[in-house]
PDB file of all heavy atoms in Angstrom:
ATOM      1  N   ILE A   1       0.837  -1.210  -0.020  1.00  0.00           N
ATOM      2  CA  ILE A   1      -0.014   0.014   0.013  1.00  0.00           C
ATOM      3  C   ILE A   1       0.861   1.226  -0.027  1.00  0.00           C
ATOM      4  O   ILE A   1       1.838   1.323   0.784  1.00  0.00           O
ATOM      5  CB  ILE A   1      -0.886   0.054   1.257  1.00  0.00           C
ATOM      6  CG1 ILE A   1      -1.679  -1.237   1.401  1.00  0.00           C
ATOM      7  CG2 ILE A   1      -1.773   1.294   1.324  1.00  0.00           C
ATOM      8  CD1 ILE A   1      -2.794  -1.475   0.395  1.00  0.00           C
ATOM      9  N   VAL A   2       0.578   2.198  -0.878  1.00  0.00           N
ATOM     10  CA  VAL A   2       1.284   3.501  -0.832  1.00  0.00           C
ATOM     11  C   VAL A   2       0.302   4.594  -0.773  1.00  0.00           C
ATOM     12  O   VAL A   2      -0.871   4.476  -1.158  1.00  0.00           O
ATOM     13  CB  VAL A   2       2.217   3.658  -2.041  1.00  0.00           C
ATOM     14  CG1 VAL A   2       3.271   2.605  -2.139  1.00  0.00           C
ATOM     15  CG2 VAL A   2       1.443   3.753  -3.369  1.00  0.00           C
ATOM     16  N   GLY A   3       0.749   5.688  -0.204  1.00  0.00           N
ATOM     17  CA  GLY A   3      -0.041   6.933  -0.154  1.00  0.00           C
ATOM     18  C   GLY A   3      -1.052   7.008   0.950  1.00  0.00           C
ATOM     19  O   GLY A   3      -2.044   7.768   0.856  1.00  0.00           O
ATOM     20  N   LEU A   4      -0.908   6.271   2.023  1.00  0.00           N
ATOM     21  CA  LEU A   4      -1.833   6.333   3.181  1.00  0.00           C
ATOM     22  C   LEU A   4      -1.736   7.719   3.802  1.00  0.00           C
ATOM     23  O   LEU A   4      -0.599   8.134   4.173  1.00  0.00           O
ATOM     24  CB  LEU A   4      -1.483   5.257   4.199  1.00  0.00           C
ATOM     25  CG  LEU A   4      -2.380   5.155   5.390  1.00  0.00           C
ATOM     26  CD1 LEU A   4      -3.792   4.849   4.965  1.00  0.00           C
ATOM     27  CD2 LEU A   4      -1.886   4.083   6.331  1.00  0.00           C
ATOM     28  N   ARG A   5      -2.871   8.369   3.941  1.00  0.00           N
ATOM     29  CA  ARG A   5      -2.914   9.697   4.468  1.00  0.00           C
ATOM     30  C   ARG A   5      -4.300   9.872   5.190  1.00  0.00           C
ATOM     31  O   ARG A   5      -5.138   9.057   5.022  1.00  0.00           O
ATOM     32  CB  ARG A   5      -2.702  10.773   3.435  1.00  0.00           C
ATOM     33  CG  ARG A   5      -3.741  10.740   2.342  1.00  0.00           C
ATOM     34  CD  ARG A   5      -3.431  11.794   1.281  1.00  0.00           C
ATOM     35  NE  ARG A   5      -4.518  11.789   0.221  1.00  0.00           N
ATOM     36  CZ  ARG A   5      -5.653  12.390   0.351  1.00  0.00           C
ATOM     37  NH1 ARG A   5      -5.976  13.069   1.444  1.00  0.00           N
ATOM     38  NH2 ARG A   5      -6.562  12.333  -0.608  1.00  0.00           N
ATOM     39  N   PRO A   6      -4.419  10.956   5.981  1.00  0.00           N
ATOM     40  CA  PRO A   6      -5.689  11.217   6.636  1.00  0.00           C
ATOM     41  C   PRO A   6      -6.798  11.320   5.613  1.00  0.00           C
ATOM     42  O   PRO A   6      -6.591  11.837   4.541  1.00  0.00           O
ATOM     43  CB  PRO A   6      -5.480  12.522   7.335  1.00  0.00           C
ATOM     44  CG  PRO A   6      -3.988  12.656   7.528  1.00  0.00           C
ATOM     45  CD  PRO A   6      -3.444  11.943   6.307  1.00  0.00           C
ATOM     46  N   PRO A   7      -7.994  10.870   5.944  1.00  0.00           N
ATOM     47  CA  PRO A   7      -8.374  10.222   7.188  1.00  0.00           C
ATOM     48  C   PRO A   7      -8.228   8.737   7.204  1.00  0.00           C
ATOM     49  O   PRO A   7      -8.481   8.053   8.189  1.00  0.00           O
ATOM     50  CB  PRO A   7      -9.915  10.592   7.257  1.00  0.00           C
ATOM     51  CG  PRO A   7     -10.350  10.628   5.862  1.00  0.00           C
ATOM     52  CD  PRO A   7      -9.105  11.106   5.048  1.00  0.00           C
ATOM     53  N   LEU A   8      -7.736   8.139   6.084  1.00  0.00           N
ATOM     54  CA  LEU A   8      -7.579   6.690   6.021  1.00  0.00           C
ATOM     55  C   LEU A   8      -6.571   6.129   7.007  1.00  0.00           C
ATOM     56  O   LEU A   8      -6.749   5.027   7.481  1.00  0.00           O
ATOM     57  CB  LEU A   8      -7.240   6.225   4.590  1.00  0.00           C
ATOM     58  CG  LEU A   8      -8.303   6.443   3.540  1.00  0.00           C
ATOM     59  CD1 LEU A   8      -7.890   5.846   2.203  1.00  0.00           C
ATOM     60  CD2 LEU A   8      -9.656   5.803   3.990  1.00  0.00           C
ATOM     61  N   ASP A   9      -5.544   6.907   7.284  1.00  0.00           N
ATOM     62  CA  ASP A   9      -4.554   6.440   8.213  1.00  0.00           C
ATOM     63  C   ASP A   9      -5.154   6.170   9.634  1.00  0.00           C
ATOM     64  O   ASP A   9      -4.883   5.153  10.238  1.00  0.00           O
ATOM     65  CB  ASP A   9      -3.365   7.371   8.350  1.00  0.00           C
ATOM     66  CG  ASP A   9      -3.716   8.765   8.852  1.00  0.00           C
ATOM     67  OD1 ASP A   9      -4.928   9.130   8.782  1.00  0.00           O
ATOM     68  OD2 ASP A   9      -2.773   9.457   9.298  1.00  0.00           O
ATOM     69  N   ARG A  10      -6.125   6.971  10.019  1.00  0.00           N
ATOM     70  CA  ARG A  10      -6.775   6.761  11.319  1.00  0.00           C
ATOM     71  C   ARG A  10      -7.634   5.501  11.249  1.00  0.00           C
ATOM     72  O   ARG A  10      -7.657   4.745  12.205  1.00  0.00           O
ATOM     73  CB  ARG A  10      -7.638   8.031  11.597  1.00  0.00           C
ATOM     74  CG  ARG A  10      -8.375   7.916  12.896  1.00  0.00           C
ATOM     75  CD  ARG A  10      -7.456   8.086  14.078  1.00  0.00           C
ATOM     76  NE  ARG A  10      -8.245   8.104  15.305  1.00  0.00           N
ATOM     77  CZ  ARG A  10      -7.944   7.426  16.371  1.00  0.00           C
ATOM     78  NH1 ARG A  10      -6.847   6.689  16.411  1.00  0.00           N
ATOM     79  NH2 ARG A  10      -8.701   7.480  17.421  1.00  0.00           N
ATOM     80  N   LEU A  11      -8.321   5.286  10.137  1.00  0.00           N
ATOM     81  CA  LEU A  11      -9.130   4.084   9.955  1.00  0.00           C
ATOM     82  C   LEU A  11      -8.255   2.859   9.992  1.00  0.00           C
ATOM     83  O   LEU A  11      -8.567   1.864  10.725  1.00  0.00           O
ATOM     84  CB  LEU A  11      -9.872   4.112   8.630  1.00  0.00           C
ATOM     85  CG  LEU A  11     -10.695   2.865   8.274  1.00  0.00           C
ATOM     86  CD1 LEU A  11     -11.822   2.616   9.224  1.00  0.00           C
ATOM     87  CD2 LEU A  11     -11.210   3.060   6.809  1.00  0.00           C
ATOM     88  N   PHE A  12      -7.106   2.856   9.387  1.00  0.00           N
ATOM     89  CA  PHE A  12      -6.184   1.741   9.364  1.00  0.00           C
ATOM     90  C   PHE A  12      -5.705   1.472  10.792  1.00  0.00           C
ATOM     91  O   PHE A  12      -5.611   0.310  11.218  1.00  0.00           O
ATOM     92  CB  PHE A  12      -5.016   2.018   8.441  1.00  0.00           C
ATOM     93  CG  PHE A  12      -5.264   1.696   7.006  1.00  0.00           C
ATOM     94  CD1 PHE A  12      -6.394   2.123   6.338  1.00  0.00           C
ATOM     95  CD2 PHE A  12      -4.287   0.984   6.288  1.00  0.00           C
ATOM     96  CE1 PHE A  12      -6.573   1.822   5.002  1.00  0.00           C
ATOM     97  CE2 PHE A  12      -4.488   0.714   4.941  1.00  0.00           C
ATOM     98  CZ  PHE A  12      -5.586   1.147   4.331  1.00  0.00           C
ATOM     99  N   GLN A  13      -5.406   2.507  11.579  1.00  0.00           N
ATOM    100  CA  GLN A  13      -4.937   2.350  12.933  1.00  0.00           C
ATOM    101  C   GLN A  13      -6.044   1.824  13.843  1.00  0.00           C
ATOM    102  O   GLN A  13      -5.828   0.915  14.666  1.00  0.00           O
ATOM    103  CB  GLN A  13      -4.470   3.690  13.507  1.00  0.00           C
ATOM    104  CG  GLN A  13      -3.168   4.169  12.874  1.00  0.00           C
ATOM    105  CD  GLN A  13      -2.838   5.618  13.233  1.00  0.00           C
ATOM    106  OE1 GLN A  13      -3.588   6.267  13.947  1.00  0.00           O
ATOM    107  NE2 GLN A  13      -1.720   6.090  12.773  1.00  0.00           N
ATOM    108  N   LEU A  14      -7.265   2.344  13.698  1.00  0.00           N
ATOM    109  CA  LEU A  14      -8.387   1.898  14.594  1.00  0.00           C
ATOM    110  C   LEU A  14      -8.677   0.402  14.441  1.00  0.00           C
ATOM    111  O   LEU A  14      -8.963  -0.224  15.425  1.00  0.00           O
ATOM    112  CB  LEU A  14      -9.612   2.688  14.254  1.00  0.00           C
ATOM    113  CG  LEU A  14      -9.650   4.099  14.784  1.00  0.00           C
ATOM    114  CD1 LEU A  14     -10.892   4.846  14.251  1.00  0.00           C
ATOM    115  CD2 LEU A  14      -9.638   4.118  16.319  1.00  0.00           C
ATOM    116  N   VAL A  15      -8.604  -0.081  13.227  1.00  0.00           N
ATOM    117  CA  VAL A  15      -8.946  -1.474  13.039  1.00  0.00           C
ATOM    118  C   VAL A  15      -7.678  -2.381  12.998  1.00  0.00           C
ATOM    119  O   VAL A  15      -7.856  -3.632  12.967  1.00  0.00           O
ATOM    120  CB  VAL A  15      -9.800  -1.718  11.739  1.00  0.00           C
ATOM    121  CG1 VAL A  15     -11.122  -1.023  11.872  1.00  0.00           C
ATOM    122  CG2 VAL A  15      -9.039  -1.336  10.538  1.00  0.00           C
ATOM    123  N   GLY A  16      -6.526  -1.840  13.038  1.00  0.00           N
ATOM    124  CA  GLY A  16      -5.265  -2.580  13.169  1.00  0.00           C
ATOM    125  C   GLY A  16      -4.651  -3.095  11.834  1.00  0.00           C
ATOM    126  O   GLY A  16      -3.684  -3.800  11.893  1.00  0.00           O
ATOM    127  N   VAL A  17      -5.222  -2.715  10.722  1.00  0.00           N
ATOM    128  CA  VAL A  17      -4.652  -3.177   9.445  1.00  0.00           C
ATOM    129  C   VAL A  17      -3.295  -2.501   9.164  1.00  0.00           C
ATOM    130  O   VAL A  17      -2.552  -3.062   8.410  1.00  0.00           O
ATOM    131  CB  VAL A  17      -5.601  -3.069   8.221  1.00  0.00           C
ATOM    132  CG1 VAL A  17      -6.852  -3.903   8.462  1.00  0.00           C
ATOM    133  CG2 VAL A  17      -5.960  -1.667   8.001  1.00  0.00           C
ATOM    134  N   ASP A  18      -3.010  -1.418   9.868  1.00  0.00           N
ATOM    135  CA  ASP A  18      -1.720  -0.761   9.649  1.00  0.00           C
ATOM    136  C   ASP A  18      -0.610  -1.671  10.095  1.00  0.00           C
ATOM    137  O   ASP A  18       0.555  -1.530   9.666  1.00  0.00           O
ATOM    138  CB  ASP A  18      -1.650   0.594  10.306  1.00  0.00           C
ATOM    139  CG  ASP A  18      -1.784   0.483  11.828  1.00  0.00           C
ATOM    140  OD1 ASP A  18      -2.568  -0.370  12.328  1.00  0.00           O
ATOM    141  OD2 ASP A  18      -1.167   1.307  12.524  1.00  0.00           O
ATOM    142  N   THR A  19      -0.822  -2.613  11.013  1.00  0.00           N
ATOM    143  CA  THR A  19       0.183  -3.584  11.495  1.00  0.00           C
ATOM    144  C   THR A  19       0.200  -4.818  10.629  1.00  0.00           C
ATOM    145  O   THR A  19       1.145  -5.588  10.649  1.00  0.00           O
ATOM    146  CB  THR A  19      -0.069  -3.931  12.955  1.00  0.00           C
ATOM    147  OG1 THR A  19      -1.313  -4.613  13.091  1.00  0.00           O
ATOM    148  CG2 THR A  19      -0.002  -2.734  13.849  1.00  0.00           C
ATOM    149  N   LEU A  20      -0.832  -5.090   9.853  1.00  0.00           N
ATOM    150  CA  LEU A  20      -0.917  -6.255   9.001  1.00  0.00           C
ATOM    151  C   LEU A  20      -0.369  -6.026   7.633  1.00  0.00           C
ATOM    152  O   LEU A  20       0.320  -6.858   7.051  1.00  0.00           O
ATOM    153  CB  LEU A  20      -2.399  -6.721   8.947  1.00  0.00           C
ATOM    154  CG  LEU A  20      -2.728  -7.898   7.967  1.00  0.00           C
ATOM    155  CD1 LEU A  20      -2.114  -9.174   8.476  1.00  0.00           C
ATOM    156  CD2 LEU A  20      -4.215  -8.009   7.835  1.00  0.00           C
ATOM    157  N   LEU A  21      -0.721  -4.917   7.039  1.00  0.00           N
ATOM    158  CA  LEU A  21      -0.367  -4.606   5.644  1.00  0.00           C
ATOM    159  C   LEU A  21       0.985  -3.944   5.539  1.00  0.00           C
ATOM    160  O   LEU A  21       1.460  -3.273   6.482  1.00  0.00           O
ATOM    161  CB  LEU A  21      -1.412  -3.693   5.052  1.00  0.00           C
ATOM    162  CG  LEU A  21      -2.887  -4.214   5.008  1.00  0.00           C
ATOM    163  CD1 LEU A  21      -3.819  -3.215   4.503  1.00  0.00           C
ATOM    164  CD2 LEU A  21      -2.957  -5.534   4.203  1.00  0.00           C
ATOM    165  N   ARG A  22       1.602  -4.091   4.363  1.00  0.00           N
ATOM    166  CA  ARG A  22       2.918  -3.450   4.035  1.00  0.00           C
ATOM    167  C   ARG A  22       2.585  -2.092   3.504  1.00  0.00           C
ATOM    168  O   ARG A  22       2.033  -1.976   2.440  1.00  0.00           O
ATOM    169  CB  ARG A  22       3.690  -4.302   3.117  1.00  0.00           C
ATOM    170  CG  ARG A  22       4.068  -5.655   3.724  1.00  0.00           C
ATOM    171  CD  ARG A  22       4.860  -6.478   2.744  1.00  0.00           C
ATOM    172  NE  ARG A  22       6.188  -5.912   2.669  1.00  0.00           N
ATOM    173  CZ  ARG A  22       7.120  -6.262   1.735  1.00  0.00           C
ATOM    174  NH1 ARG A  22       6.792  -7.121   0.850  1.00  0.00           N
ATOM    175  NH2 ARG A  22       8.299  -5.697   1.754  1.00  0.00           N
ATOM    176  N   ILE A  23       2.977  -1.041   4.233  1.00  0.00           N
ATOM    177  CA  ILE A  23       2.661   0.338   3.861  1.00  0.00           C
ATOM    178  C   ILE A  23       3.890   1.091   3.596  1.00  0.00           C
ATOM    179  O   ILE A  23       4.851   1.065   4.411  1.00  0.00           O
ATOM    180  CB  ILE A  23       1.811   1.011   4.956  1.00  0.00           C
ATOM    181  CG1 ILE A  23       0.482   0.216   5.183  1.00  0.00           C
ATOM    182  CG2 ILE A  23       1.481   2.477   4.634  1.00  0.00           C
ATOM    183  CD1 ILE A  23      -0.326   0.642   6.356  1.00  0.00           C
ATOM    184  N   PHE A  24       3.923   1.842   2.471  1.00  0.00           N
ATOM    185  CA  PHE A  24       5.105   2.596   2.068  1.00  0.00           C
ATOM    186  C   PHE A  24       4.696   4.007   1.729  1.00  0.00           C
ATOM    187  O   PHE A  24       3.563   4.241   1.275  1.00  0.00           O
ATOM    188  CB  PHE A  24       5.736   1.924   0.822  1.00  0.00           C
ATOM    189  CG  PHE A  24       6.156   0.475   1.034  1.00  0.00           C
ATOM    190  CD1 PHE A  24       5.349  -0.553   0.829  1.00  0.00           C
ATOM    191  CD2 PHE A  24       7.451   0.256   1.500  1.00  0.00           C
ATOM    192  CE1 PHE A  24       5.701  -1.854   1.078  1.00  0.00           C
ATOM    193  CE2 PHE A  24       7.865  -1.125   1.671  1.00  0.00           C
ATOM    194  CZ  PHE A  24       7.004  -2.107   1.508  1.00  0.00           C
ATOM    195  N   PRO A  25       5.654   4.931   1.873  1.00  0.00           N
ATOM    196  CA  PRO A  25       5.315   6.323   1.544  1.00  0.00           C
ATOM    197  C   PRO A  25       5.108   6.616   0.028  1.00  0.00           C
ATOM    198  O   PRO A  25       4.288   7.422  -0.370  1.00  0.00           O
ATOM    199  CB  PRO A  25       6.446   7.134   2.114  1.00  0.00           C
ATOM    200  CG  PRO A  25       7.545   6.159   2.401  1.00  0.00           C
ATOM    201  CD  PRO A  25       6.947   4.819   2.482  1.00  0.00           C
ATOM    202  N   THR A  26       5.914   5.891  -0.783  1.00  0.00           N
ATOM    203  CA  THR A  26       5.888   6.150  -2.187  1.00  0.00           C
ATOM    204  C   THR A  26       5.879   4.876  -3.003  1.00  0.00           C
ATOM    205  O   THR A  26       6.265   3.823  -2.509  1.00  0.00           O
ATOM    206  CB  THR A  26       7.104   7.020  -2.660  1.00  0.00           C
ATOM    207  OG1 THR A  26       8.233   6.213  -2.542  1.00  0.00           O
ATOM    208  CG2 THR A  26       7.220   8.296  -1.878  1.00  0.00           C
ATOM    209  N   VAL A  27       5.531   4.976  -4.302  1.00  0.00           N
ATOM    210  CA  VAL A  27       5.579   3.819  -5.218  1.00  0.00           C
ATOM    211  C   VAL A  27       7.075   3.360  -5.319  1.00  0.00           C
ATOM    212  O   VAL A  27       7.335   2.148  -5.293  1.00  0.00           O
ATOM    213  CB  VAL A  27       5.008   4.189  -6.538  1.00  0.00           C
ATOM    214  CG1 VAL A  27       5.249   3.080  -7.586  1.00  0.00           C
ATOM    215  CG2 VAL A  27       3.477   4.396  -6.445  1.00  0.00           C
ATOM    216  N   ALA A  28       7.991   4.287  -5.396  1.00  0.00           N
ATOM    217  CA  ALA A  28       9.388   3.938  -5.567  1.00  0.00           C
ATOM    218  C   ALA A  28       9.864   3.097  -4.360  1.00  0.00           C
ATOM    219  O   ALA A  28      10.591   2.173  -4.465  1.00  0.00           O
ATOM    220  CB  ALA A  28      10.247   5.185  -5.738  1.00  0.00           C
ATOM    221  N   ASP A  29       9.447   3.516  -3.119  1.00  0.00           N
ATOM    222  CA  ASP A  29       9.837   2.761  -1.957  1.00  0.00           C
ATOM    223  C   ASP A  29       9.181   1.340  -1.970  1.00  0.00           C
ATOM    224  O   ASP A  29       9.866   0.379  -1.644  1.00  0.00           O
ATOM    225  CB  ASP A  29       9.290   3.484  -0.655  1.00  0.00           C
ATOM    226  CG  ASP A  29      10.087   4.761  -0.390  1.00  0.00           C
ATOM    227  OD1 ASP A  29      11.307   4.837  -0.753  1.00  0.00           O
ATOM    228  OD2 ASP A  29       9.474   5.721   0.131  1.00  0.00           O
TER     229      ASP A  29
END
């Protein structure tokens, strides 16, 4: 996953998928 930003970042944190999924700041990363 790339480009996670508000308000989705809060949703990901609330349900815990931010610890399950691989999240990167950019496509290059």
